[in-house]
Amino acid sequence: MTEAKDERRPAGELEASVMGALWAAGGPQTPGQVQRALGADLARTTVTTILTRLHDKGVVERHRHGRGYAYLPVRDVQDAQGLTARRMHSELDRDGDRETVLARFVAQLHPDDERILRDLLEPGER
């Protein structure tokens, strides 16, 4: 019953919840510790699967802890903004035509976001 309930949740929502638990812990956490921190009806195997996927994506690192692993966020993903930035890089890396992808991304930006991006890329020129 629990597994079927877990399958209906969006993967991104579960990943965000797991990352939130890791950020709040401030140190390496085992899947069981993450499961307890979430306080949800998630099976430990579900939490382990999510942590493994996050590891495969390069978002968390893991270290041997007994017979299993303890997980923690990688250095550049210490908050939700870092995770979003990592996802943006991953999406960009999936396409061979980076120039076109970036051009279309910029063309679809809200004018306020375009201004922020310009300020970041050209500091002191305004």
PDB file of N, CA and C in Angstrom:
ATOM      1  N   MET A   1       0.816  -1.195   0.000  1.00  0.00           N
ATOM      2  CA  MET A   1       0.000   0.000   0.000  1.00  0.00           C
ATOM      3  C   MET A   1       0.860   1.259   0.000  1.00  0.00           C
ATOM      4  N   THR A   2       1.912   1.289   0.814  1.00  0.00           N
ATOM      5  CA  THR A   2       2.776   2.462   0.884  1.00  0.00           C
ATOM      6  C   THR A   2       3.469   2.715  -0.443  1.00  0.00           C
ATOM      7  N   GLU A   3       3.966   1.642  -1.094  1.00  0.00           N
ATOM      8  CA  GLU A   3       4.668   1.816  -2.357  1.00  0.00           C
ATOM      9  C   GLU A   3       3.751   2.422  -3.421  1.00  0.00           C
ATOM     10  N   ALA A   4       2.500   1.974  -3.476  1.00  0.00           N
ATOM     11  CA  ALA A   4       1.577   2.518  -4.459  1.00  0.00           C
ATOM     12  C   ALA A   4       1.324   3.994  -4.204  1.00  0.00           C
ATOM     13  N   LYS A   5       1.215   4.376  -2.933  1.00  0.00           N
ATOM     14  CA  LYS A   5       1.018   5.776  -2.586  1.00  0.00           C
ATOM     15  C   LYS A   5       2.230   6.604  -3.013  1.00  0.00           C
ATOM     16  N   ASP A   6       3.445   6.071  -2.799  1.00  0.00           N
ATOM     17  CA  ASP A   6       4.671   6.773  -3.171  1.00  0.00           C
ATOM     18  C   ASP A   6       4.739   7.011  -4.668  1.00  0.00           C
ATOM     19  N   GLU A   7       4.256   6.052  -5.475  1.00  0.00           N
ATOM     20  CA  GLU A   7       4.360   6.155  -6.919  1.00  0.00           C
ATOM     21  C   GLU A   7       3.548   7.314  -7.463  1.00  0.00           C
ATOM     22  N   ARG A   8       2.504   7.747  -6.755  1.00  0.00           N
ATOM     23  CA  ARG A   8       1.651   8.820  -7.244  1.00  0.00           C
ATOM     24  C   ARG A   8       2.263  10.197  -7.010  1.00  0.00           C
ATOM     25  N   ARG A   9       3.257  10.306  -6.181  1.00  0.00           N
ATOM     26  CA  ARG A   9       3.896  11.594  -5.922  1.00  0.00           C
ATOM     27  C   ARG A   9       4.884  11.909  -7.024  1.00  0.00           C
ATOM     28  N   PRO A  10       4.953  13.167  -7.417  1.00  0.00           N
ATOM     29  CA  PRO A  10       5.945  13.544  -8.439  1.00  0.00           C
ATOM     30  C   PRO A  10       7.361  13.320  -7.908  1.00  0.00           C
ATOM     31  N   ALA A  11       8.234  12.800  -8.767  1.00  0.00           N
ATOM     32  CA  ALA A  11       9.615  12.518  -8.354  1.00  0.00           C
ATOM     33  C   ALA A  11      10.310  13.773  -7.852  1.00  0.00           C
ATOM     34  N   GLY A  12      10.077  14.896  -8.499  1.00  0.00           N
ATOM     35  CA  GLY A  12      10.715  16.136  -8.074  1.00  0.00           C
ATOM     36  C   GLY A  12      10.323  16.541  -6.675  1.00  0.00           C
ATOM     37  N   GLU A  13       9.079  16.285  -6.308  1.00  0.00           N
ATOM     38  CA  GLU A  13       8.607  16.602  -4.961  1.00  0.00           C
ATOM     39  C   GLU A  13       9.316  15.751  -3.921  1.00  0.00           C
ATOM     40  N   LEU A  14       9.462  14.466  -4.199  1.00  0.00           N
ATOM     41  CA  LEU A  14      10.162  13.585  -3.270  1.00  0.00           C
ATOM     42  C   LEU A  14      11.637  13.954  -3.163  1.00  0.00           C
ATOM     43  N   GLU A  15      12.257  14.247  -4.306  1.00  0.00           N
ATOM     44  CA  GLU A  15      13.665  14.644  -4.286  1.00  0.00           C
ATOM     45  C   GLU A  15      13.851  15.921  -3.480  1.00  0.00           C
ATOM     46  N   ALA A  16      12.962  16.878  -3.659  1.00  0.00           N
ATOM     47  CA  ALA A  16      13.058  18.135  -2.906  1.00  0.00           C
ATOM     48  C   ALA A  16      12.888  17.888  -1.409  1.00  0.00           C
ATOM     49  N   SER A  17      11.988  17.000  -1.040  1.00  0.00           N
ATOM     50  CA  SER A  17      11.785  16.683   0.379  1.00  0.00           C
ATOM     51  C   SER A  17      13.027  16.024   0.972  1.00  0.00           C
ATOM     52  N   VAL A  18      13.606  15.096   0.235  1.00  0.00           N
ATOM     53  CA  VAL A  18      14.816  14.411   0.704  1.00  0.00           C
ATOM     54  C   VAL A  18      15.962  15.410   0.826  1.00  0.00           C
ATOM     55  N   MET A  19      16.116  16.279  -0.174  1.00  0.00           N
ATOM     56  CA  MET A  19      17.173  17.293  -0.102  1.00  0.00           C
ATOM     57  C   MET A  19      16.941  18.216   1.093  1.00  0.00           C
ATOM     58  N   GLY A  20      15.706  18.590   1.341  1.00  0.00           N
ATOM     59  CA  GLY A  20      15.393  19.434   2.499  1.00  0.00           C
ATOM     60  C   GLY A  20      15.814  18.778   3.798  1.00  0.00           C
ATOM     61  N   ALA A  21      15.581  17.489   3.901  1.00  0.00           N
ATOM     62  CA  ALA A  21      15.986  16.759   5.111  1.00  0.00           C
ATOM     63  C   ALA A  21      17.501  16.736   5.249  1.00  0.00           C
ATOM     64  N   LEU A  22      18.205  16.557   4.133  1.00  0.00           N
ATOM     65  CA  LEU A  22      19.675  16.545   4.183  1.00  0.00           C
ATOM     66  C   LEU A  22      20.220  17.920   4.561  1.00  0.00           C
ATOM     67  N   TRP A  23      19.655  18.985   3.979  1.00  0.00           N
ATOM     68  CA  TRP A  23      20.120  20.333   4.308  1.00  0.00           C
ATOM     69  C   TRP A  23      19.869  20.641   5.778  1.00  0.00           C
ATOM     70  N   ALA A  24      18.714  20.247   6.291  1.00  0.00           N
ATOM     71  CA  ALA A  24      18.371  20.524   7.693  1.00  0.00           C
ATOM     72  C   ALA A  24      19.281  19.766   8.648  1.00  0.00           C
ATOM     73  N   ALA A  25      19.713  18.577   8.244  1.00  0.00           N
ATOM     74  CA  ALA A  25      20.547  17.751   9.122  1.00  0.00           C
ATOM     75  C   ALA A  25      21.944  18.336   9.290  1.00  0.00           C
ATOM     76  N   GLY A  26      22.472  18.923   8.256  1.00  0.00           N
ATOM     77  CA  GLY A  26      23.793  19.528   8.347  1.00  0.00           C
ATOM     78  C   GLY A  26      24.947  18.549   8.375  1.00  0.00           C
ATOM     79  N   GLY A  27      24.689  17.293   8.117  1.00  0.00           N
ATOM     80  CA  GLY A  27      25.741  16.286   8.091  1.00  0.00           C
ATOM     81  C   GLY A  27      25.234  15.040   7.394  1.00  0.00           C
ATOM     82  N   PRO A  28      26.111  14.057   7.189  1.00  0.00           N
ATOM     83  CA  PRO A  28      25.711  12.842   6.485  1.00  0.00           C
ATOM     84  C   PRO A  28      24.546  12.139   7.178  1.00  0.00           C
ATOM     85  N   GLN A  29      23.625  11.634   6.371  1.00  0.00           N
ATOM     86  CA  GLN A  29      22.443  10.954   6.884  1.00  0.00           C
ATOM     87  C   GLN A  29      22.241   9.627   6.155  1.00  0.00           C
ATOM     88  N   THR A  30      21.852   8.612   6.902  1.00  0.00           N
ATOM     89  CA  THR A  30      21.510   7.328   6.300  1.00  0.00           C
ATOM     90  C   THR A  30      20.075   7.409   5.774  1.00  0.00           C
ATOM     91  N   PRO A  31      19.692   6.498   4.892  1.00  0.00           N
ATOM     92  CA  PRO A  31      18.307   6.501   4.418  1.00  0.00           C
ATOM     93  C   PRO A  31      17.295   6.411   5.567  1.00  0.00           C
ATOM     94  N   GLY A  32      17.593   5.640   6.577  1.00  0.00           N
ATOM     95  CA  GLY A  32      16.693   5.535   7.720  1.00  0.00           C
ATOM     96  C   GLY A  32      16.548   6.859   8.461  1.00  0.00           C
ATOM     97  N   GLN A  33      17.643   7.585   8.619  1.00  0.00           N
ATOM     98  CA  GLN A  33      17.587   8.893   9.275  1.00  0.00           C
ATOM     99  C   GLN A  33      16.778   9.885   8.445  1.00  0.00           C
ATOM    100  N   VAL A  34      16.955   9.847   7.125  1.00  0.00           N
ATOM    101  CA  VAL A  34      16.192  10.729   6.243  1.00  0.00           C
ATOM    102  C   VAL A  34      14.709  10.370   6.326  1.00  0.00           C
ATOM    103  N   GLN A  35      14.413   9.091   6.313  1.00  0.00           N
ATOM    104  CA  GLN A  35      13.024   8.636   6.406  1.00  0.00           C
ATOM    105  C   GLN A  35      12.373   9.154   7.688  1.00  0.00           C
ATOM    106  N   ARG A  36      13.056   9.030   8.808  1.00  0.00           N
ATOM    107  CA  ARG A  36      12.515   9.524  10.092  1.00  0.00           C
ATOM    108  C   ARG A  36      12.351  11.043  10.077  1.00  0.00           C
ATOM    109  N   ALA A  37      13.306  11.746   9.480  1.00  0.00           N
ATOM    110  CA  ALA A  37      13.228  13.210   9.424  1.00  0.00           C
ATOM    111  C   ALA A  37      12.033  13.676   8.597  1.00  0.00           C
ATOM    112  N   LEU A  38      11.703  12.937   7.565  1.00  0.00           N
ATOM    113  CA  LEU A  38      10.581  13.316   6.707  1.00  0.00           C
ATOM    114  C   LEU A  38       9.246  13.088   7.405  1.00  0.00           C
ATOM    115  N   GLY A  39       9.218  12.105   8.303  1.00  0.00           N
ATOM    116  CA  GLY A  39       7.995  11.833   9.037  1.00  0.00           C
ATOM    117  C   GLY A  39       6.823  11.491   8.144  1.00  0.00           C
ATOM    118  N   ALA A  40       7.069  11.046   6.956  1.00  0.00           N
ATOM    119  CA  ALA A  40       6.009  10.715   6.006  1.00  0.00           C
ATOM    120  C   ALA A  40       5.852   9.199   5.923  1.00  0.00           C
ATOM    121  N   ASP A  41       4.860   8.795   5.197  1.00  0.00           N
ATOM    122  CA  ASP A  41       4.621   7.368   5.000  1.00  0.00           C
ATOM    123  C   ASP A  41       5.447   6.832   3.841  1.00  0.00           C
ATOM    124  N   LEU A  42       6.729   7.119   3.872  1.00  0.00           N
ATOM    125  CA  LEU A  42       7.623   6.624   2.825  1.00  0.00           C
ATOM    126  C   LEU A  42       8.349   5.390   3.330  1.00  0.00           C
ATOM    127  N   ALA A  43       8.432   4.387   2.482  1.00  0.00           N
ATOM    128  CA  ALA A  43       9.216   3.208   2.819  1.00  0.00           C
ATOM    129  C   ALA A  43      10.699   3.576   2.774  1.00  0.00           C
ATOM    130  N   ARG A  44      11.495   2.914   3.599  1.00  0.00           N
ATOM    131  CA  ARG A  44      12.929   3.177   3.590  1.00  0.00           C
ATOM    132  C   ARG A  44      13.512   2.871   2.219  1.00  0.00           C
ATOM    133  N   THR A  45      12.981   1.856   1.548  1.00  0.00           N
ATOM    134  CA  THR A  45      13.481   1.517   0.212  1.00  0.00           C
ATOM    135  C   THR A  45      13.212   2.649  -0.777  1.00  0.00           C
ATOM    136  N   THR A  46      12.098   3.337  -0.615  1.00  0.00           N
ATOM    137  CA  THR A  46      11.789   4.480  -1.483  1.00  0.00           C
ATOM    138  C   THR A  46      12.796   5.598  -1.252  1.00  0.00           C
ATOM    139  N   VAL A  47      13.089   5.887   0.017  1.00  0.00           N
ATOM    140  CA  VAL A  47      14.071   6.918   0.356  1.00  0.00           C
ATOM    141  C   VAL A  47      15.442   6.526  -0.203  1.00  0.00           C
ATOM    142  N   THR A  48      15.802   5.251  -0.063  1.00  0.00           N
ATOM    143  CA  THR A  48      17.080   4.774  -0.590  1.00  0.00           C
ATOM    144  C   THR A  48      17.143   4.956  -2.106  1.00  0.00           C
ATOM    145  N   THR A  49      16.057   4.653  -2.798  1.00  0.00           N
ATOM    146  CA  THR A  49      16.008   4.824  -4.251  1.00  0.00           C
ATOM    147  C   THR A  49      16.193   6.286  -4.634  1.00  0.00           C
ATOM    148  N   ILE A  50      15.527   7.175  -3.926  1.00  0.00           N
ATOM    149  CA  ILE A  50      15.652   8.608  -4.224  1.00  0.00           C
ATOM    150  C   ILE A  50      17.077   9.070  -3.976  1.00  0.00           C
ATOM    151  N   LEU A  51      17.673   8.656  -2.861  1.00  0.00           N
ATOM    152  CA  LEU A  51      19.056   9.037  -2.569  1.00  0.00           C
ATOM    153  C   LEU A  51      20.013   8.494  -3.623  1.00  0.00           C
ATOM    154  N   THR A  52      19.774   7.281  -4.083  1.00  0.00           N
ATOM    155  CA  THR A  52      20.620   6.694  -5.128  1.00  0.00           C
ATOM    156  C   THR A  52      20.494   7.492  -6.423  1.00  0.00           C
ATOM    157  N   ARG A  53      19.280   7.885  -6.778  1.00  0.00           N
ATOM    158  CA  ARG A  53      19.089   8.699  -7.987  1.00  0.00           C
ATOM    159  C   ARG A  53      19.765  10.054  -7.855  1.00  0.00           C
ATOM    160  N   LEU A  54      19.655  10.669  -6.685  1.00  0.00           N
ATOM    161  CA  LEU A  54      20.322  11.955  -6.454  1.00  0.00           C
ATOM    162  C   LEU A  54      21.836  11.799  -6.541  1.00  0.00           C
ATOM    163  N   HIS A  55      22.346  10.683  -6.056  1.00  0.00           N
ATOM    164  CA  HIS A  55      23.781  10.402  -6.162  1.00  0.00           C
ATOM    165  C   HIS A  55      24.177  10.236  -7.627  1.00  0.00           C
ATOM    166  N   ASP A  56      23.375   9.495  -8.382  1.00  0.00           N
ATOM    167  CA  ASP A  56      23.657   9.291  -9.807  1.00  0.00           C
ATOM    168  C   ASP A  56      23.641  10.607 -10.583  1.00  0.00           C
ATOM    169  N   LYS A  57      22.822  11.563 -10.151  1.00  0.00           N
ATOM    170  CA  LYS A  57      22.744  12.879 -10.780  1.00  0.00           C
ATOM    171  C   LYS A  57      23.860  13.807 -10.319  1.00  0.00           C
ATOM    172  N   GLY A  58      24.634  13.379  -9.326  1.00  0.00           N
ATOM    173  CA  GLY A  58      25.732  14.201  -8.831  1.00  0.00           C
ATOM    174  C   GLY A  58      25.303  15.268  -7.842  1.00  0.00           C
ATOM    175  N   VAL A  59      24.116  15.137  -7.277  1.00  0.00           N
ATOM    176  CA  VAL A  59      23.591  16.139  -6.350  1.00  0.00           C
ATOM    177  C   VAL A  59      23.992  15.845  -4.910  1.00  0.00           C
ATOM    178  N   VAL A  60      24.148  14.571  -4.590  1.00  0.00           N
ATOM    179  CA  VAL A  60      24.606  14.181  -3.255  1.00  0.00           C
ATOM    180  C   VAL A  60      25.824  13.281  -3.400  1.00  0.00           C
ATOM    181  N   GLU A  61      26.633  13.275  -2.367  1.00  0.00           N
ATOM    182  CA  GLU A  61      27.734  12.316  -2.312  1.00  0.00           C
ATOM    183  C   GLU A  61      27.409  11.333  -1.206  1.00  0.00           C
ATOM    184  N   ARG A  62      28.054  10.185  -1.251  1.00  0.00           N
ATOM    185  CA  ARG A  62      27.794   9.177  -0.224  1.00  0.00           C
ATOM    186  C   ARG A  62      29.097   8.586   0.266  1.00  0.00           C
ATOM    187  N   HIS A  63      29.031   8.164   1.509  1.00  0.00           N
ATOM    188  CA  HIS A  63      30.187   7.550   2.153  1.00  0.00           C
ATOM    189  C   HIS A  63      29.720   6.274   2.837  1.00  0.00           C
ATOM    190  N   ARG A  64      30.579   5.284   2.826  1.00  0.00           N
ATOM    191  CA  ARG A  64      30.259   4.016   3.459  1.00  0.00           C
ATOM    192  C   ARG A  64      29.901   4.262   4.925  1.00  0.00           C
ATOM    193  N   HIS A  65      28.803   3.642   5.354  1.00  0.00           N
ATOM    194  CA  HIS A  65      28.349   3.735   6.751  1.00  0.00           C
ATOM    195  C   HIS A  65      27.809   2.357   7.113  1.00  0.00           C
ATOM    196  N   GLY A  66      28.641   1.563   7.768  1.00  0.00           N
ATOM    197  CA  GLY A  66      28.247   0.183   8.060  1.00  0.00           C
ATOM    198  C   GLY A  66      28.104  -0.591   6.764  1.00  0.00           C
ATOM    199  N   ARG A  67      26.957  -1.251   6.593  1.00  0.00           N
ATOM    200  CA  ARG A  67      26.713  -2.011   5.370  1.00  0.00           C
ATOM    201  C   ARG A  67      26.092  -1.155   4.268  1.00  0.00           C
ATOM    202  N   GLY A  68      25.730   0.070   4.584  1.00  0.00           N
ATOM    203  CA  GLY A  68      25.097   0.945   3.600  1.00  0.00           C
ATOM    204  C   GLY A  68      25.888   2.220   3.406  1.00  0.00           C
ATOM    205  N   TYR A  69      25.152   3.298   3.151  1.00  0.00           N
ATOM    206  CA  TYR A  69      25.773   4.591   2.894  1.00  0.00           C
ATOM    207  C   TYR A  69      25.105   5.677   3.726  1.00  0.00           C
ATOM    208  N   ALA A  70      25.873   6.739   3.943  1.00  0.00           N
ATOM    209  CA  ALA A  70      25.340   7.989   4.491  1.00  0.00           C
ATOM    210  C   ALA A  70      25.523   9.035   3.392  1.00  0.00           C
ATOM    211  N   TYR A  71      24.520   9.868   3.232  1.00  0.00           N
ATOM    212  CA  TYR A  71      24.477  10.826   2.118  1.00  0.00           C
ATOM    213  C   TYR A  71      24.530  12.258   2.623  1.00  0.00           C
ATOM    214  N   LEU A  72      25.128  13.140   1.798  1.00  0.00           N
ATOM    215  CA  LEU A  72      25.103  14.565   2.080  1.00  0.00           C
ATOM    216  C   LEU A  72      25.172  15.328   0.767  1.00  0.00           C
ATOM    217  N   PRO A  73      24.605  16.547   0.740  1.00  0.00           N
ATOM    218  CA  PRO A  73      24.624  17.332  -0.509  1.00  0.00           C
ATOM    219  C   PRO A  73      26.051  17.658  -0.930  1.00  0.00           C
ATOM    220  N   VAL A  74      26.284  17.709  -2.232  1.00  0.00           N
ATOM    221  CA  VAL A  74      27.599  18.125  -2.721  1.00  0.00           C
ATOM    222  C   VAL A  74      27.772  19.607  -2.427  1.00  0.00           C
ATOM    223  N   ARG A  75      28.988  20.071  -2.495  1.00  0.00           N
ATOM    224  CA  ARG A  75      29.324  21.442  -2.080  1.00  0.00           C
ATOM    225  C   ARG A  75      28.523  22.531  -2.771  1.00  0.00           C
ATOM    226  N   ASP A  76      28.303  22.402  -4.064  1.00  0.00           N
ATOM    227  CA  ASP A  76      27.617  23.477  -4.783  1.00  0.00           C
ATOM    228  C   ASP A  76      26.091  23.350  -4.743  1.00  0.00           C
ATOM    229  N   VAL A  77      25.583  22.414  -3.969  1.00  0.00           N
ATOM    230  CA  VAL A  77      24.133  22.231  -3.844  1.00  0.00           C
ATOM    231  C   VAL A  77      23.774  22.257  -2.360  1.00  0.00           C
ATOM    232  N   GLN A  78      24.052  23.379  -1.723  1.00  0.00           N
ATOM    233  CA  GLN A  78      23.808  23.493  -0.290  1.00  0.00           C
ATOM    234  C   GLN A  78      22.459  24.127   0.042  1.00  0.00           C
ATOM    235  N   ASP A  79      21.670  24.438  -0.989  1.00  0.00           N
ATOM    236  CA  ASP A  79      20.349  25.007  -0.767  1.00  0.00           C
ATOM    237  C   ASP A  79      19.514  24.799  -2.025  1.00  0.00           C
ATOM    238  N   ALA A  80      18.254  25.214  -1.965  1.00  0.00           N
ATOM    239  CA  ALA A  80      17.350  25.009  -3.101  1.00  0.00           C
ATOM    240  C   ALA A  80      17.842  25.726  -4.351  1.00  0.00           C
ATOM    241  N   GLN A  81      18.433  26.901  -4.180  1.00  0.00           N
ATOM    242  CA  GLN A  81      18.933  27.642  -5.342  1.00  0.00           C
ATOM    243  C   GLN A  81      20.101  26.915  -6.005  1.00  0.00           C
ATOM    244  N   GLY A  82      20.950  26.320  -5.197  1.00  0.00           N
ATOM    245  CA  GLY A  82      22.055  25.530  -5.751  1.00  0.00           C
ATOM    246  C   GLY A  82      21.557  24.314  -6.508  1.00  0.00           C
ATOM    247  N   LEU A  83      20.492  23.696  -5.986  1.00  0.00           N
ATOM    248  CA  LEU A  83      19.902  22.549  -6.672  1.00  0.00           C
ATOM    249  C   LEU A  83      19.299  22.975  -8.009  1.00  0.00           C
ATOM    250  N   THR A  84      18.610  24.095  -8.023  1.00  0.00           N
ATOM    251  CA  THR A  84      18.027  24.598  -9.264  1.00  0.00           C
ATOM    252  C   THR A  84      19.120  24.908 -10.285  1.00  0.00           C
ATOM    253  N   ALA A  85      20.199  25.544  -9.835  1.00  0.00           N
ATOM    254  CA  ALA A  85      21.309  25.858 -10.735  1.00  0.00           C
ATOM    255  C   ALA A  85      21.917  24.576 -11.302  1.00  0.00           C
ATOM    256  N   ARG A  86      22.055  23.549 -10.474  1.00  0.00           N
ATOM    257  CA  ARG A  86      22.603  22.269 -10.936  1.00  0.00           C
ATOM    258  C   ARG A  86      21.692  21.657 -11.991  1.00  0.00           C
ATOM    259  N   ARG A  87      20.371  21.743 -11.770  1.00  0.00           N
ATOM    260  CA  ARG A  87      19.418  21.202 -12.749  1.00  0.00           C
ATOM    261  C   ARG A  87      19.520  21.949 -14.075  1.00  0.00           C
ATOM    262  N   MET A  88      19.679  23.273 -14.003  1.00  0.00           N
ATOM    263  CA  MET A  88      19.803  24.065 -15.223  1.00  0.00           C
ATOM    264  C   MET A  88      21.048  23.642 -16.003  1.00  0.00           C
ATOM    265  N   HIS A  89      22.153  23.428 -15.318  1.00  0.00           N
ATOM    266  CA  HIS A  89      23.373  22.964 -15.983  1.00  0.00           C
ATOM    267  C   HIS A  89      23.157  21.595 -16.607  1.00  0.00           C
ATOM    268  N   SER A  90      22.486  20.707 -15.889  1.00  0.00           N
ATOM    269  CA  SER A  90      22.238  19.359 -16.410  1.00  0.00           C
ATOM    270  C   SER A  90      21.410  19.407 -17.681  1.00  0.00           C
ATOM    271  N   GLU A  91      20.381  20.238 -17.683  1.00  0.00           N
ATOM    272  CA  GLU A  91      19.550  20.366 -18.882  1.00  0.00           C
ATOM    273  C   GLU A  91      20.359  20.930 -20.047  1.00  0.00           C
ATOM    274  N   LEU A  92      21.191  21.901 -19.786  1.00  0.00           N
ATOM    275  CA  LEU A  92      22.016  22.493 -20.832  1.00  0.00           C
ATOM    276  C   LEU A  92      22.991  21.457 -21.394  1.00  0.00           C
ATOM    277  N   ASP A  93      23.530  20.621 -20.520  1.00  0.00           N
ATOM    278  CA  ASP A  93      24.495  19.612 -20.945  1.00  0.00           C
ATOM    279  C   ASP A  93      23.870  18.513 -21.808  1.00  0.00           C
ATOM    280  N   ARG A  94      22.552  18.365 -21.742  1.00  0.00           N
ATOM    281  CA  ARG A  94      21.879  17.309 -22.510  1.00  0.00           C
ATOM    282  C   ARG A  94      21.784  17.623 -24.000  1.00  0.00           C
ATOM    283  N   ASP A  95      21.943  18.870 -24.376  1.00  0.00           N
ATOM    284  CA  ASP A  95      21.783  19.264 -25.780  1.00  0.00           C
ATOM    285  C   ASP A  95      23.137  19.660 -26.340  1.00  0.00           C
ATOM    286  N   GLY A  96      23.432  19.212 -27.538  1.00  0.00           N
ATOM    287  CA  GLY A  96      24.716  19.511 -28.155  1.00  0.00           C
ATOM    288  C   GLY A  96      24.835  20.932 -28.674  1.00  0.00           C
ATOM    289  N   ASP A  97      23.712  21.601 -28.907  1.00  0.00           N
ATOM    290  CA  ASP A  97      23.719  22.949 -29.460  1.00  0.00           C
ATOM    291  C   ASP A  97      23.462  23.959 -28.340  1.00  0.00           C
ATOM    292  N   ARG A  98      24.473  24.173 -27.529  1.00  0.00           N
ATOM    293  CA  ARG A  98      24.347  25.048 -26.359  1.00  0.00           C
ATOM    294  C   ARG A  98      23.946  26.475 -26.741  1.00  0.00           C
ATOM    295  N   GLU A  99      24.507  26.968 -27.844  1.00  0.00           N
ATOM    296  CA  GLU A  99      24.225  28.346 -28.252  1.00  0.00           C
ATOM    297  C   GLU A  99      22.733  28.548 -28.525  1.00  0.00           C
ATOM    298  N   THR A 100      22.130  27.616 -29.235  1.00  0.00           N
ATOM    299  CA  THR A 100      20.703  27.727 -29.535  1.00  0.00           C
ATOM    300  C   THR A 100      19.865  27.602 -28.271  1.00  0.00           C
ATOM    301  N   VAL A 101      20.219  26.671 -27.423  1.00  0.00           N
ATOM    302  CA  VAL A 101      19.476  26.497 -26.167  1.00  0.00           C
ATOM    303  C   VAL A 101      19.550  27.773 -25.336  1.00  0.00           C
ATOM    304  N   LEU A 102      20.744  28.324 -25.189  1.00  0.00           N
ATOM    305  CA  LEU A 102      20.896  29.557 -24.408  1.00  0.00           C
ATOM    306  C   LEU A 102      20.163  30.725 -25.056  1.00  0.00           C
ATOM    307  N   ALA A 103      20.223  30.819 -26.378  1.00  0.00           N
ATOM    308  CA  ALA A 103      19.535  31.908 -27.077  1.00  0.00           C
ATOM    309  C   ALA A 103      18.027  31.822 -26.858  1.00  0.00           C
ATOM    310  N   ARG A 104      17.482  30.629 -26.927  1.00  0.00           N
ATOM    311  CA  ARG A 104      16.041  30.469 -26.715  1.00  0.00           C
ATOM    312  C   ARG A 104      15.676  30.715 -25.261  1.00  0.00           C
ATOM    313  N   PHE A 105      16.536  30.305 -24.359  1.00  0.00           N
ATOM    314  CA  PHE A 105      16.294  30.554 -22.935  1.00  0.00           C
ATOM    315  C   PHE A 105      16.218  32.059 -22.673  1.00  0.00           C
ATOM    316  N   VAL A 106      17.205  32.791 -23.161  1.00  0.00           N
ATOM    317  CA  VAL A 106      17.256  34.238 -22.953  1.00  0.00           C
ATOM    318  C   VAL A 106      16.069  34.923 -23.635  1.00  0.00           C
ATOM    319  N   ALA A 107      15.703  34.463 -24.815  1.00  0.00           N
ATOM    320  CA  ALA A 107      14.581  35.067 -25.544  1.00  0.00           C
ATOM    321  C   ALA A 107      13.259  34.913 -24.787  1.00  0.00           C
ATOM    322  N   GLN A 108      13.163  33.896 -23.944  1.00  0.00           N
ATOM    323  CA  GLN A 108      11.928  33.641 -23.206  1.00  0.00           C
ATOM    324  C   GLN A 108      11.938  34.220 -21.795  1.00  0.00           C
ATOM    325  N   LEU A 109      13.020  34.900 -21.432  1.00  0.00           N
ATOM    326  CA  LEU A 109      13.101  35.477 -20.089  1.00  0.00           C
ATOM    327  C   LEU A 109      12.163  36.667 -19.938  1.00  0.00           C
ATOM    328  N   HIS A 110      11.654  36.817 -18.759  1.00  0.00           N
ATOM    329  CA  HIS A 110      10.903  38.024 -18.401  1.00  0.00           C
ATOM    330  C   HIS A 110      11.913  39.176 -18.409  1.00  0.00           C
ATOM    331  N   PRO A 111      11.514  40.376 -18.809  1.00  0.00           N
ATOM    332  CA  PRO A 111      12.467  41.497 -18.863  1.00  0.00           C
ATOM    333  C   PRO A 111      13.223  41.728 -17.550  1.00  0.00           C
ATOM    334  N   ASP A 112      12.570  41.541 -16.418  1.00  0.00           N
ATOM    335  CA  ASP A 112      13.266  41.709 -15.134  1.00  0.00           C
ATOM    336  C   ASP A 112      14.366  40.662 -14.960  1.00  0.00           C
ATOM    337  N   ASP A 113      14.076  39.425 -15.371  1.00  0.00           N
ATOM    338  CA  ASP A 113      15.078  38.364 -15.269  1.00  0.00           C
ATOM    339  C   ASP A 113      16.223  38.604 -16.246  1.00  0.00           C
ATOM    340  N   GLU A 114      15.892  39.121 -17.420  1.00  0.00           N
ATOM    341  CA  GLU A 114      16.938  39.438 -18.404  1.00  0.00           C
ATOM    342  C   GLU A 114      17.876  40.508 -17.852  1.00  0.00           C
ATOM    343  N   ARG A 115      17.317  41.519 -17.183  1.00  0.00           N
ATOM    344  CA  ARG A 115      18.129  42.571 -16.582  1.00  0.00           C
ATOM    345  C   ARG A 115      19.046  41.990 -15.509  1.00  0.00           C
ATOM    346  N   ILE A 116      18.514  41.112 -14.679  1.00  0.00           N
ATOM    347  CA  ILE A 116      19.325  40.482 -13.628  1.00  0.00           C
ATOM    348  C   ILE A 116      20.466  39.685 -14.254  1.00  0.00           C
ATOM    349  N   LEU A 117      20.160  38.929 -15.293  1.00  0.00           N
ATOM    350  CA  LEU A 117      21.183  38.134 -15.965  1.00  0.00           C
ATOM    351  C   LEU A 117      22.260  39.035 -16.574  1.00  0.00           C
ATOM    352  N   ARG A 118      21.843  40.117 -17.211  1.00  0.00           N
ATOM    353  CA  ARG A 118      22.819  41.052 -17.783  1.00  0.00           C
ATOM    354  C   ARG A 118      23.714  41.643 -16.689  1.00  0.00           C
ATOM    355  N   ASP A 119      23.117  42.017 -15.564  1.00  0.00           N
ATOM    356  CA  ASP A 119      23.890  42.574 -14.450  1.00  0.00           C
ATOM    357  C   ASP A 119      24.896  41.561 -13.904  1.00  0.00           C
ATOM    358  N   LEU A 120      24.520  40.304 -13.886  1.00  0.00           N
ATOM    359  CA  LEU A 120      25.425  39.259 -13.402  1.00  0.00           C
ATOM    360  C   LEU A 120      26.576  39.021 -14.379  1.00  0.00           C
ATOM    361  N   LEU A 121      26.258  39.083 -15.666  1.00  0.00           N
ATOM    362  CA  LEU A 121      27.278  38.816 -16.687  1.00  0.00           C
ATOM    363  C   LEU A 121      28.177  40.010 -16.961  1.00  0.00           C
ATOM    364  N   GLU A 122      27.669  41.215 -16.724  1.00  0.00           N
ATOM    365  CA  GLU A 122      28.411  42.426 -17.017  1.00  0.00           C
ATOM    366  C   GLU A 122      28.448  43.334 -15.792  1.00  0.00           C
ATOM    367  N   PRO A 123      29.060  42.895 -14.701  1.00  0.00           N
ATOM    368  CA  PRO A 123      29.050  43.719 -13.491  1.00  0.00           C
ATOM    369  C   PRO A 123      29.784  45.041 -13.706  1.00  0.00           C
ATOM    370  N   GLY A 124      29.221  46.098 -13.183  1.00  0.00           N
ATOM    371  CA  GLY A 124      29.870  47.399 -13.235  1.00  0.00           C
ATOM    372  C   GLY A 124      29.691  48.160 -14.544  1.00  0.00           C
ATOM    373  N   GLU A 125      29.020  47.575 -15.526  1.00  0.00           N
ATOM    374  CA  GLU A 125      28.834  48.258 -16.809  1.00  0.00           C
ATOM    375  C   GLU A 125      27.547  49.064 -16.843  1.00  0.00           C
ATOM    376  N   ARG A 126      26.799  49.064 -15.791  1.00  0.00           N
ATOM    377  CA  ARG A 126      25.535  49.815 -15.766  1.00  0.00           C
ATOM    378  C   ARG A 126      25.630  50.958 -14.815  1.00  0.00           C
TER     379      ARG A 126
END
